[in-house]
PDB file of N, CA and C in Angstrom:
ATOM      1  N   MET A   1      78.662 130.184  69.553  1.00  0.00           N
ATOM      2  CA  MET A   1      78.663 129.106  70.680  1.00  0.00           C
ATOM      3  C   MET A   1      79.780 129.890  71.433  1.00  0.00           C
ATOM      4  N   HIS A   2      79.530 129.463  72.642  1.00  0.00           N
ATOM      5  CA  HIS A   2      80.015 130.525  73.618  1.00  0.00           C
ATOM      6  C   HIS A   2      80.509 129.185  74.562  1.00  0.00           C
ATOM      7  N   LYS A   3      81.963 129.439  74.840  1.00  0.00           N
ATOM      8  CA  LYS A   3      82.672 128.522  75.428  1.00  0.00           C
ATOM      9  C   LYS A   3      82.994 128.798  77.105  1.00  0.00           C
ATOM     10  N   LEU A   4      83.001 127.781  78.235  1.00  0.00           N
ATOM     11  CA  LEU A   4      83.242 128.470  79.295  1.00  0.00           C
ATOM     12  C   LEU A   4      84.308 127.688  79.860  1.00  0.00           C
ATOM     13  N   VAL A   5      85.811 128.124  80.678  1.00  0.00           N
ATOM     14  CA  VAL A   5      86.480 127.648  80.612  1.00  0.00           C
ATOM     15  C   VAL A   5      87.190 127.791  82.202  1.00  0.00           C
ATOM     16  N   VAL A   6      87.520 126.207  82.878  1.00  0.00           N
ATOM     17  CA  VAL A   6      88.036 126.267  84.233  1.00  0.00           C
ATOM     18  C   VAL A   6      89.655 126.126  84.204  1.00  0.00           C
ATOM     19  N   LEU A   7      90.069 126.736  85.052  1.00  0.00           N
ATOM     20  CA  LEU A   7      91.609 126.799  84.948  1.00  0.00           C
ATOM     21  C   LEU A   7      91.796 126.211  86.365  1.00  0.00           C
ATOM     22  N   TYR A   8      92.563 125.227  86.431  1.00  0.00           N
ATOM     23  CA  TYR A   8      92.750 124.663  88.084  1.00  0.00           C
ATOM     24  C   TYR A   8      93.927 124.622  88.529  1.00  0.00           C
ATOM     25  N   SER A   9      94.512 125.461  89.604  1.00  0.00           N
ATOM     26  CA  SER A   9      95.934 125.524  90.033  1.00  0.00           C
ATOM     27  C   SER A   9      96.003 124.276  90.252  1.00  0.00           C
ATOM     28  N   LYS A  10      97.144 124.072  91.062  1.00  0.00           N
ATOM     29  CA  LYS A  10      97.661 122.434  91.677  1.00  0.00           C
ATOM     30  C   LYS A  10      97.119 122.537  92.870  1.00  0.00           C
ATOM     31  N   PRO A  11      96.505 121.566  93.109  1.00  0.00           N
ATOM     32  CA  PRO A  11      96.041 121.224  94.560  1.00  0.00           C
ATOM     33  C   PRO A  11      96.717 120.401  95.441  1.00  0.00           C
ATOM     34  N   ALA A  12      96.017 120.553  96.796  1.00  0.00           N
ATOM     35  CA  ALA A  12      97.272 120.005  98.105  1.00  0.00           C
ATOM     36  C   ALA A  12      97.427 118.539  97.694  1.00  0.00           C
ATOM     37  N   ASP A  13      96.436 117.647  97.108  1.00  0.00           N
ATOM     38  CA  ASP A  13      96.055 116.701  96.812  1.00  0.00           C
ATOM     39  C   ASP A  13      96.003 115.839  95.749  1.00  0.00           C
ATOM     40  N   PRO A  14      96.694 116.167  94.524  1.00  0.00           N
ATOM     41  CA  PRO A  14      96.211 115.773  93.386  1.00  0.00           C
ATOM     42  C   PRO A  14      95.415 114.446  92.979  1.00  0.00           C
ATOM     43  N   ASP A  15      95.514 113.496  93.923  1.00  0.00           N
ATOM     44  CA  ASP A  15      94.832 111.981  93.391  1.00  0.00           C
ATOM     45  C   ASP A  15      93.390 112.316  94.472  1.00  0.00           C
ATOM     46  N   HIS A  16      93.456 113.400  95.298  1.00  0.00           N
ATOM     47  CA  HIS A  16      91.748 113.489  95.698  1.00  0.00           C
ATOM     48  C   HIS A  16      91.375 114.193  94.519  1.00  0.00           C
ATOM     49  N   PHE A  17      91.900 114.853  93.958  1.00  0.00           N
ATOM     50  CA  PHE A  17      91.450 116.135  93.062  1.00  0.00           C
ATOM     51  C   PHE A  17      90.953 114.995  92.134  1.00  0.00           C
ATOM     52  N   ARG A  18      91.537 114.479  91.405  1.00  0.00           N
ATOM     53  CA  ARG A  18      91.595 113.331  89.906  1.00  0.00           C
ATOM     54  C   ARG A  18      90.346 112.390  90.539  1.00  0.00           C
ATOM     55  N   ASP A  19      90.084 112.185  91.845  1.00  0.00           N
ATOM     56  CA  ASP A  19      89.312 110.819  91.852  1.00  0.00           C
ATOM     57  C   ASP A  19      88.108 111.395  92.396  1.00  0.00           C
ATOM     58  N   TYR A  20      88.007 112.848  93.005  1.00  0.00           N
ATOM     59  CA  TYR A  20      87.097 113.379  93.309  1.00  0.00           C
ATOM     60  C   TYR A  20      86.062 114.115  92.013  1.00  0.00           C
ATOM     61  N   TYR A  21      86.915 114.678  91.213  1.00  0.00           N
ATOM     62  CA  TYR A  21      86.687 115.271  90.079  1.00  0.00           C
ATOM     63  C   TYR A  21      85.920 114.376  89.159  1.00  0.00           C
ATOM     64  N   VAL A  22      86.552 112.970  89.075  1.00  0.00           N
ATOM     65  CA  VAL A  22      85.900 112.353  88.173  1.00  0.00           C
ATOM     66  C   VAL A  22      84.648 111.714  88.469  1.00  0.00           C
ATOM     67  N   THR A  23      84.494 111.166  89.772  1.00  0.00           N
ATOM     68  CA  THR A  23      83.505 110.345  90.164  1.00  0.00           C
ATOM     69  C   THR A  23      82.467 111.525  90.918  1.00  0.00           C
ATOM     70  N   ASN A  24      82.684 112.552  91.227  1.00  0.00           N
ATOM     71  CA  ASN A  24      81.336 113.083  91.986  1.00  0.00           C
ATOM     72  C   ASN A  24      81.066 114.452  91.005  1.00  0.00           C
ATOM     73  N   HIS A  25      82.176 115.182  90.683  1.00  0.00           N
ATOM     74  CA  HIS A  25      81.509 116.443  90.235  1.00  0.00           C
ATOM     75  C   HIS A  25      81.283 116.442  88.450  1.00  0.00           C
ATOM     76  N   LEU A  26      81.790 115.894  87.656  1.00  0.00           N
ATOM     77  CA  LEU A  26      81.692 115.448  86.077  1.00  0.00           C
ATOM     78  C   LEU A  26      80.088 115.136  86.442  1.00  0.00           C
ATOM     79  N   PRO A  27      79.759 114.152  87.027  1.00  0.00           N
ATOM     80  CA  PRO A  27      78.154 113.759  87.641  1.00  0.00           C
ATOM     81  C   PRO A  27      77.375 115.117  87.396  1.00  0.00           C
ATOM     82  N   LEU A  28      77.932 115.713  88.061  1.00  0.00           N
ATOM     83  CA  LEU A  28      77.221 116.876  88.315  1.00  0.00           C
ATOM     84  C   LEU A  28      77.194 117.830  86.875  1.00  0.00           C
ATOM     85  N   VAL A  29      78.008 118.064  86.662  1.00  0.00           N
ATOM     86  CA  VAL A  29      78.346 119.105  85.491  1.00  0.00           C
ATOM     87  C   VAL A  29      77.069 118.623  84.287  1.00  0.00           C
ATOM     88  N   MET A  30      77.386 117.128  84.572  1.00  0.00           N
ATOM     89  CA  MET A  30      76.456 116.806  82.801  1.00  0.00           C
ATOM     90  C   MET A  30      75.009 117.127  83.290  1.00  0.00           C
ATOM     91  N   ASN A  31      74.712 117.383  84.444  1.00  0.00           N
ATOM     92  CA  ASN A  31      73.363 117.780  84.594  1.00  0.00           C
ATOM     93  C   ASN A  31      73.311 118.898  84.375  1.00  0.00           C
ATOM     94  N   LEU A  32      74.001 119.955  83.854  1.00  0.00           N
ATOM     95  CA  LEU A  32      73.875 121.460  83.677  1.00  0.00           C
ATOM     96  C   LEU A  32      72.899 121.425  82.523  1.00  0.00           C
ATOM     97  N   PRO A  33      71.855 122.679  82.684  1.00  0.00           N
ATOM     98  CA  PRO A  33      70.760 122.702  81.424  1.00  0.00           C
ATOM     99  C   PRO A  33      71.903 123.244  80.408  1.00  0.00           C
ATOM    100  N   GLY A  34      71.066 122.806  78.880  1.00  0.00           N
ATOM    101  CA  GLY A  34      72.145 123.660  77.717  1.00  0.00           C
ATOM    102  C   GLY A  34      73.264 123.096  77.606  1.00  0.00           C
ATOM    103  N   LEU A  35      74.286 122.300  78.539  1.00  0.00           N
ATOM    104  CA  LEU A  35      75.608 122.235  78.326  1.00  0.00           C
ATOM    105  C   LEU A  35      75.428 121.139  77.162  1.00  0.00           C
ATOM    106  N   LEU A  36      75.890 121.562  75.712  1.00  0.00           N
ATOM    107  CA  LEU A  36      76.123 120.979  74.389  1.00  0.00           C
ATOM    108  C   LEU A  36      76.943 119.850  74.248  1.00  0.00           C
ATOM    109  N   ALA A  37      78.078 120.364  75.059  1.00  0.00           N
ATOM    110  CA  ALA A  37      79.541 119.421  74.907  1.00  0.00           C
ATOM    111  C   ALA A  37      80.237 120.044  76.182  1.00  0.00           C
ATOM    112  N   TRP A  38      81.109 119.030  76.523  1.00  0.00           N
ATOM    113  CA  TRP A  38      82.236 119.163  77.555  1.00  0.00           C
ATOM    114  C   TRP A  38      83.258 118.481  77.369  1.00  0.00           C
ATOM    115  N   ARG A  39      84.392 118.768  77.578  1.00  0.00           N
ATOM    116  CA  ARG A  39      85.686 118.094  77.717  1.00  0.00           C
ATOM    117  C   ARG A  39      86.510 118.669  79.013  1.00  0.00           C
ATOM    118  N   TYR A  40      87.426 117.794  79.377  1.00  0.00           N
ATOM    119  CA  TYR A  40      88.615 118.469  80.515  1.00  0.00           C
ATOM    120  C   TYR A  40      89.785 117.519  80.406  1.00  0.00           C
ATOM    121  N   SER A  41      90.847 117.881  81.342  1.00  0.00           N
ATOM    122  CA  SER A  41      92.185 117.031  80.986  1.00  0.00           C
ATOM    123  C   SER A  41      92.823 117.222  82.319  1.00  0.00           C
ATOM    124  N   PHE A  42      93.512 116.525  82.841  1.00  0.00           N
ATOM    125  CA  PHE A  42      94.443 116.572  83.888  1.00  0.00           C
ATOM    126  C   PHE A  42      95.742 116.578  83.504  1.00  0.00           C
ATOM    127  N   ASP A  43      95.870 116.491  82.511  1.00  0.00           N
ATOM    128  CA  ASP A  43      97.420 116.628  81.563  1.00  0.00           C
ATOM    129  C   ASP A  43      97.943 117.882  81.316  1.00  0.00           C
ATOM    130  N   VAL A  44      97.775 119.075  81.584  1.00  0.00           N
ATOM    131  CA  VAL A  44      98.219 120.484  80.842  1.00  0.00           C
ATOM    132  C   VAL A  44      99.413 120.892  81.192  1.00  0.00           C
ATOM    133  N   ALA A  45      99.946 120.773  80.342  1.00  0.00           N
ATOM    134  CA  ALA A  45     101.283 121.252  79.604  1.00  0.00           C
ATOM    135  C   ALA A  45     101.633 122.838  79.127  1.00  0.00           C
ATOM    136  N   ALA A  46     102.846 123.282  79.335  1.00  0.00           N
ATOM    137  CA  ALA A  46     102.863 124.798  78.611  1.00  0.00           C
ATOM    138  C   ALA A  46     103.926 123.947  77.672  1.00  0.00           C
ATOM    139  N   THR A  47     103.994 125.305  76.602  1.00  0.00           N
ATOM    140  CA  THR A  47     105.239 125.013  75.631  1.00  0.00           C
ATOM    141  C   THR A  47     106.264 125.556  75.924  1.00  0.00           C
ATOM    142  N   GLU A  48     106.660 126.244  77.142  1.00  0.00           N
ATOM    143  CA  GLU A  48     107.957 126.480  77.676  1.00  0.00           C
ATOM    144  C   GLU A  48     107.769 126.339  79.216  1.00  0.00           C
ATOM    145  N   GLY A  49     108.657 125.992  79.398  1.00  0.00           N
ATOM    146  CA  GLY A  49     108.597 125.781  81.932  1.00  0.00           C
ATOM    147  C   GLY A  49     107.413 125.249  82.138  1.00  0.00           C
ATOM    148  N   GLU A  50     107.102 125.429  83.199  1.00  0.00           N
ATOM    149  CA  GLU A  50     106.035 124.667  83.781  1.00  0.00           C
ATOM    150  C   GLU A  50     104.582 125.265  83.739  1.00  0.00           C
ATOM    151  N   ALA A  51     103.830 124.506  83.300  1.00  0.00           N
ATOM    152  CA  ALA A  51     102.413 124.899  83.218  1.00  0.00           C
ATOM    153  C   ALA A  51     101.696 125.400  84.534  1.00  0.00           C
ATOM    154  N   PRO A  52     101.064 126.571  84.820  1.00  0.00           N
ATOM    155  CA  PRO A  52     100.286 127.367  85.499  1.00  0.00           C
ATOM    156  C   PRO A  52      99.377 126.712  86.117  1.00  0.00           C
ATOM    157  N   TYR A  53      98.596 125.528  85.379  1.00  0.00           N
ATOM    158  CA  TYR A  53      97.548 124.614  85.739  1.00  0.00           C
ATOM    159  C   TYR A  53      97.661 123.309  86.103  1.00  0.00           C
ATOM    160  N   PHE A  54      96.949 122.828  86.719  1.00  0.00           N
ATOM    161  CA  PHE A  54      97.379 121.525  86.909  1.00  0.00           C
ATOM    162  C   PHE A  54      95.752 120.733  86.159  1.00  0.00           C
ATOM    163  N   ALA A  55      94.827 121.281  85.953  1.00  0.00           N
ATOM    164  CA  ALA A  55      93.520 120.777  85.094  1.00  0.00           C
ATOM    165  C   ALA A  55      92.684 121.522  84.374  1.00  0.00           C
ATOM    166  N   VAL A  56      92.143 121.425  83.316  1.00  0.00           N
ATOM    167  CA  VAL A  56      91.194 122.394  82.356  1.00  0.00           C
ATOM    168  C   VAL A  56      89.799 121.795  82.192  1.00  0.00           C
ATOM    169  N   PHE A  57      89.070 122.660  82.141  1.00  0.00           N
ATOM    170  CA  PHE A  57      87.662 122.236  82.148  1.00  0.00           C
ATOM    171  C   PHE A  57      87.133 123.082  80.626  1.00  0.00           C
ATOM    172  N   GLU A  58      86.451 122.737  79.818  1.00  0.00           N
ATOM    173  CA  GLU A  58      85.796 123.447  78.480  1.00  0.00           C
ATOM    174  C   GLU A  58      84.273 122.712  78.793  1.00  0.00           C
ATOM    175  N   GLY A  59      83.428 123.853  78.804  1.00  0.00           N
ATOM    176  CA  GLY A  59      81.855 123.287  78.131  1.00  0.00           C
ATOM    177  C   GLY A  59      81.532 124.415  77.192  1.00  0.00           C
ATOM    178  N   ASP A  60      80.899 123.985  76.169  1.00  0.00           N
ATOM    179  CA  ASP A  60      80.270 124.453  74.799  1.00  0.00           C
ATOM    180  C   ASP A  60      78.700 124.835  75.198  1.00  0.00           C
ATOM    181  N   PHE A  61      78.115 125.989  75.314  1.00  0.00           N
ATOM    182  CA  PHE A  61      76.723 126.224  75.220  1.00  0.00           C
ATOM    183  C   PHE A  61      76.345 127.372  74.098  1.00  0.00           C
ATOM    184  N   ALA A  62      75.048 127.245  73.687  1.00  0.00           N
ATOM    185  CA  ALA A  62      74.889 127.848  72.255  1.00  0.00           C
ATOM    186  C   ALA A  62      75.000 129.267  72.635  1.00  0.00           C
ATOM    187  N   ASP A  63      75.090 130.185  73.425  1.00  0.00           N
ATOM    188  CA  ASP A  63      75.256 131.505  73.512  1.00  0.00           C
ATOM    189  C   ASP A  63      75.485 132.093  74.987  1.00  0.00           C
ATOM    190  N   ALA A  64      76.325 133.283  75.198  1.00  0.00           N
ATOM    191  CA  ALA A  64      76.156 133.614  76.684  1.00  0.00           C
ATOM    192  C   ALA A  64      75.105 133.699  77.567  1.00  0.00           C
ATOM    193  N   ALA A  65      73.610 133.800  77.232  1.00  0.00           N
ATOM    194  CA  ALA A  65      72.634 133.664  77.800  1.00  0.00           C
ATOM    195  C   ALA A  65      72.416 132.248  78.468  1.00  0.00           C
ATOM    196  N   ALA A  66      72.339 131.419  77.468  1.00  0.00           N
ATOM    197  CA  ALA A  66      72.350 130.019  77.916  1.00  0.00           C
ATOM    198  C   ALA A  66      73.627 129.599  78.971  1.00  0.00           C
ATOM    199  N   MET A  67      74.575 130.022  79.104  1.00  0.00           N
ATOM    200  CA  MET A  67      75.570 129.502  79.784  1.00  0.00           C
ATOM    201  C   MET A  67      75.329 130.323  81.143  1.00  0.00           C
ATOM    202  N   ALA A  68      74.804 131.351  81.117  1.00  0.00           N
ATOM    203  CA  ALA A  68      74.417 132.213  82.152  1.00  0.00           C
ATOM    204  C   ALA A  68      73.193 131.690  83.160  1.00  0.00           C
ATOM    205  N   ALA A  69      72.134 131.002  82.232  1.00  0.00           N
ATOM    206  CA  ALA A  69      70.971 130.343  82.644  1.00  0.00           C
ATOM    207  C   ALA A  69      71.714 129.334  83.242  1.00  0.00           C
ATOM    208  N   ALA A  70      72.314 128.822  82.621  1.00  0.00           N
ATOM    209  CA  ALA A  70      73.169 127.275  83.492  1.00  0.00           C
ATOM    210  C   ALA A  70      73.645 127.313  84.617  1.00  0.00           C
ATOM    211  N   ARG A  71      74.381 128.163  84.913  1.00  0.00           N
ATOM    212  CA  ARG A  71      75.074 128.435  85.969  1.00  0.00           C
ATOM    213  C   ARG A  71      74.205 128.788  87.338  1.00  0.00           C
ATOM    214  N   ALA A  72      73.104 129.699  86.702  1.00  0.00           N
ATOM    215  CA  ALA A  72      72.048 130.198  87.737  1.00  0.00           C
ATOM    216  C   ALA A  72      71.150 129.363  88.084  1.00  0.00           C
ATOM    217  N   SER A  73      71.096 128.192  87.059  1.00  0.00           N
ATOM    218  CA  SER A  73      70.010 127.372  87.723  1.00  0.00           C
ATOM    219  C   SER A  73      70.678 126.070  89.018  1.00  0.00           C
ATOM    220  N   PRO A  74      69.307 125.609  89.641  1.00  0.00           N
ATOM    221  CA  PRO A  74      69.800 124.852  90.922  1.00  0.00           C
ATOM    222  C   PRO A  74      71.070 123.666  90.829  1.00  0.00           C
ATOM    223  N   GLN A  75      70.897 123.224  89.315  1.00  0.00           N
ATOM    224  CA  GLN A  75      72.201 122.328  89.137  1.00  0.00           C
ATOM    225  C   GLN A  75      73.798 123.247  89.236  1.00  0.00           C
ATOM    226  N   GLY A  76      73.461 124.154  88.387  1.00  0.00           N
ATOM    227  CA  GLY A  76      74.576 124.862  88.458  1.00  0.00           C
ATOM    228  C   GLY A  76      75.306 125.633  89.616  1.00  0.00           C
ATOM    229  N   GLN A  77      74.052 125.711  90.555  1.00  0.00           N
ATOM    230  CA  GLN A  77      74.852 126.405  91.850  1.00  0.00           C
ATOM    231  C   GLN A  77      75.089 125.197  92.606  1.00  0.00           C
ATOM    232  N   ARG A  78      74.612 123.867  92.366  1.00  0.00           N
ATOM    233  CA  ARG A  78      75.287 122.614  93.144  1.00  0.00           C
ATOM    234  C   ARG A  78      76.772 122.509  92.480  1.00  0.00           C
ATOM    235  N   VAL A  79      77.132 123.102  91.140  1.00  0.00           N
ATOM    236  CA  VAL A  79      78.352 122.440  90.426  1.00  0.00           C
ATOM    237  C   VAL A  79      79.206 123.417  91.220  1.00  0.00           C
ATOM    238  N   GLY A  80      78.955 125.041  91.146  1.00  0.00           N
ATOM    239  CA  GLY A  80      79.939 125.811  91.973  1.00  0.00           C
ATOM    240  C   GLY A  80      79.813 125.597  93.322  1.00  0.00           C
ATOM    241  N   ALA A  81      78.936 124.909  94.008  1.00  0.00           N
ATOM    242  CA  ALA A  81      79.448 124.830  95.628  1.00  0.00           C
ATOM    243  C   ALA A  81      80.329 123.809  95.551  1.00  0.00           C
ATOM    244  N   ASP A  82      80.308 122.959  94.727  1.00  0.00           N
ATOM    245  CA  ASP A  82      81.321 121.608  94.965  1.00  0.00           C
ATOM    246  C   ASP A  82      82.645 122.127  94.509  1.00  0.00           C
ATOM    247  N   VAL A  83      82.997 123.193  93.965  1.00  0.00           N
ATOM    248  CA  VAL A  83      84.236 122.952  93.770  1.00  0.00           C
ATOM    249  C   VAL A  83      85.371 123.016  94.843  1.00  0.00           C
ATOM    250  N   ALA A  84      84.737 123.381  96.011  1.00  0.00           N
ATOM    251  CA  ALA A  84      85.633 123.472  97.221  1.00  0.00           C
ATOM    252  C   ALA A  84      85.677 121.723  97.940  1.00  0.00           C
ATOM    253  N   ASN A  85      85.375 121.156  97.158  1.00  0.00           N
ATOM    254  CA  ASN A  85      85.267 119.864  97.708  1.00  0.00           C
ATOM    255  C   ASN A  85      86.529 119.190  97.221  1.00  0.00           C
ATOM    256  N   TYR A  86      87.253 119.663  96.097  1.00  0.00           N
ATOM    257  CA  TYR A  86      88.222 119.365  95.541  1.00  0.00           C
ATOM    258  C   TYR A  86      88.945 120.419  94.869  1.00  0.00           C
ATOM    259  N   ALA A  87      88.906 121.514  94.652  1.00  0.00           N
ATOM    260  CA  ALA A  87      90.519 122.525  94.120  1.00  0.00           C
ATOM    261  C   ALA A  87      90.685 123.569  95.150  1.00  0.00           C
ATOM    262  N   THR A  88      91.468 122.680  95.875  1.00  0.00           N
ATOM    263  CA  THR A  88      91.975 123.348  97.107  1.00  0.00           C
ATOM    264  C   THR A  88      93.304 124.343  96.698  1.00  0.00           C
ATOM    265  N   GLY A  89      93.622 124.301  95.196  1.00  0.00           N
ATOM    266  CA  GLY A  89      94.565 125.115  94.711  1.00  0.00           C
ATOM    267  C   GLY A  89      93.913 126.510  93.973  1.00  0.00           C
ATOM    268  N   GLY A  90      92.464 126.468  94.201  1.00  0.00           N
ATOM    269  CA  GLY A  90      91.991 127.385  93.400  1.00  0.00           C
ATOM    270  C   GLY A  90      91.370 127.608  92.086  1.00  0.00           C
ATOM    271  N   ALA A  91      90.665 127.868  91.527  1.00  0.00           N
ATOM    272  CA  ALA A  91      89.891 127.986  89.922  1.00  0.00           C
ATOM    273  C   ALA A  91      90.210 129.411  89.339  1.00  0.00           C
ATOM    274  N   VAL A  92      90.200 129.321  88.254  1.00  0.00           N
ATOM    275  CA  VAL A  92      89.892 130.613  87.205  1.00  0.00           C
ATOM    276  C   VAL A  92      89.045 130.014  86.252  1.00  0.00           C
ATOM    277  N   ILE A  93      87.875 131.200  86.456  1.00  0.00           N
ATOM    278  CA  ILE A  93      86.785 130.763  85.279  1.00  0.00           C
ATOM    279  C   ILE A  93      86.704 132.009  84.669  1.00  0.00           C
ATOM    280  N   ILE A  94      86.793 131.253  83.202  1.00  0.00           N
ATOM    281  CA  ILE A  94      86.542 131.937  82.001  1.00  0.00           C
ATOM    282  C   ILE A  94      86.149 131.859  81.122  1.00  0.00           C
ATOM    283  N   HIS A  95      85.015 133.089  80.328  1.00  0.00           N
ATOM    284  CA  HIS A  95      83.996 132.126  79.292  1.00  0.00           C
ATOM    285  C   HIS A  95      84.264 133.503  77.849  1.00  0.00           C
ATOM    286  N   TYR A  96      83.753 132.992  76.985  1.00  0.00           N
ATOM    287  CA  TYR A  96      83.790 133.781  75.609  1.00  0.00           C
ATOM    288  C   TYR A  96      83.299 133.295  74.150  1.00  0.00           C
ATOM    289  N   PRO A  97      82.819 134.219  73.294  1.00  0.00           N
ATOM    290  CA  PRO A  97      82.567 133.704  72.209  1.00  0.00           C
ATOM    291  C   PRO A  97      83.180 132.926  71.247  1.00  0.00           C
ATOM    292  N   VAL A  98      83.029 132.722  70.986  1.00  0.00           N
ATOM    293  CA  VAL A  98      83.904 131.459  69.891  1.00  0.00           C
ATOM    294  C   VAL A  98      83.917 131.823  68.784  1.00  0.00           C
ATOM    295  N   GLN A  99      85.122 132.124  67.713  1.00  0.00           N
ATOM    296  CA  GLN A  99      84.518 133.090  66.436  1.00  0.00           C
ATOM    297  C   GLN A  99      84.964 131.621  65.671  1.00  0.00           C
ATOM    298  N   ASP A 100      84.198 131.260  64.692  1.00  0.00           N
ATOM    299  CA  ASP A 100      85.154 130.274  63.698  1.00  0.00           C
ATOM    300  C   ASP A 100      85.739 130.636  62.480  1.00  0.00           C
ATOM    301  N   GLY A 101      86.887 130.081  62.346  1.00  0.00           N
ATOM    302  CA  GLY A 101      87.695 130.016  61.215  1.00  0.00           C
ATOM    303  C   GLY A 101      87.828 128.832  60.444  1.00  0.00           C
ATOM    304  N   THR A 102      88.172 129.184  59.150  1.00  0.00           N
ATOM    305  CA  THR A 102      88.391 128.211  58.181  1.00  0.00           C
ATOM    306  C   THR A 102      89.908 128.338  58.193  1.00  0.00           C
ATOM    307  N   GLY A 103      90.930 127.186  57.351  1.00  0.00           N
ATOM    308  CA  GLY A 103      92.065 127.471  56.840  1.00  0.00           C
ATOM    309  C   GLY A 103      92.281 126.346  55.847  1.00  0.00           C
TER     310      GLY A 103
END
């Protein structure tokens, strides 16, 4: 599995961010080809001090190629272009292959 993570810094208008994200952005995300699962939270906390991020998104893809294809697709281009409509604090996008563990 390959994970895409978006870390959002605090926006100028948190209420607008929350409303727009749920009402407009997530419906676009749900149309990404190859997206296996997704989750998000507006309740980001640090174990010590103030959290550097306001919100987080995680998307799961079969592999890096599937993620790259999704981001390059017309749907992925719409998702990327939409970020400016709500993420006034900016966003950090990271991705990585997931290593499974047992315990």
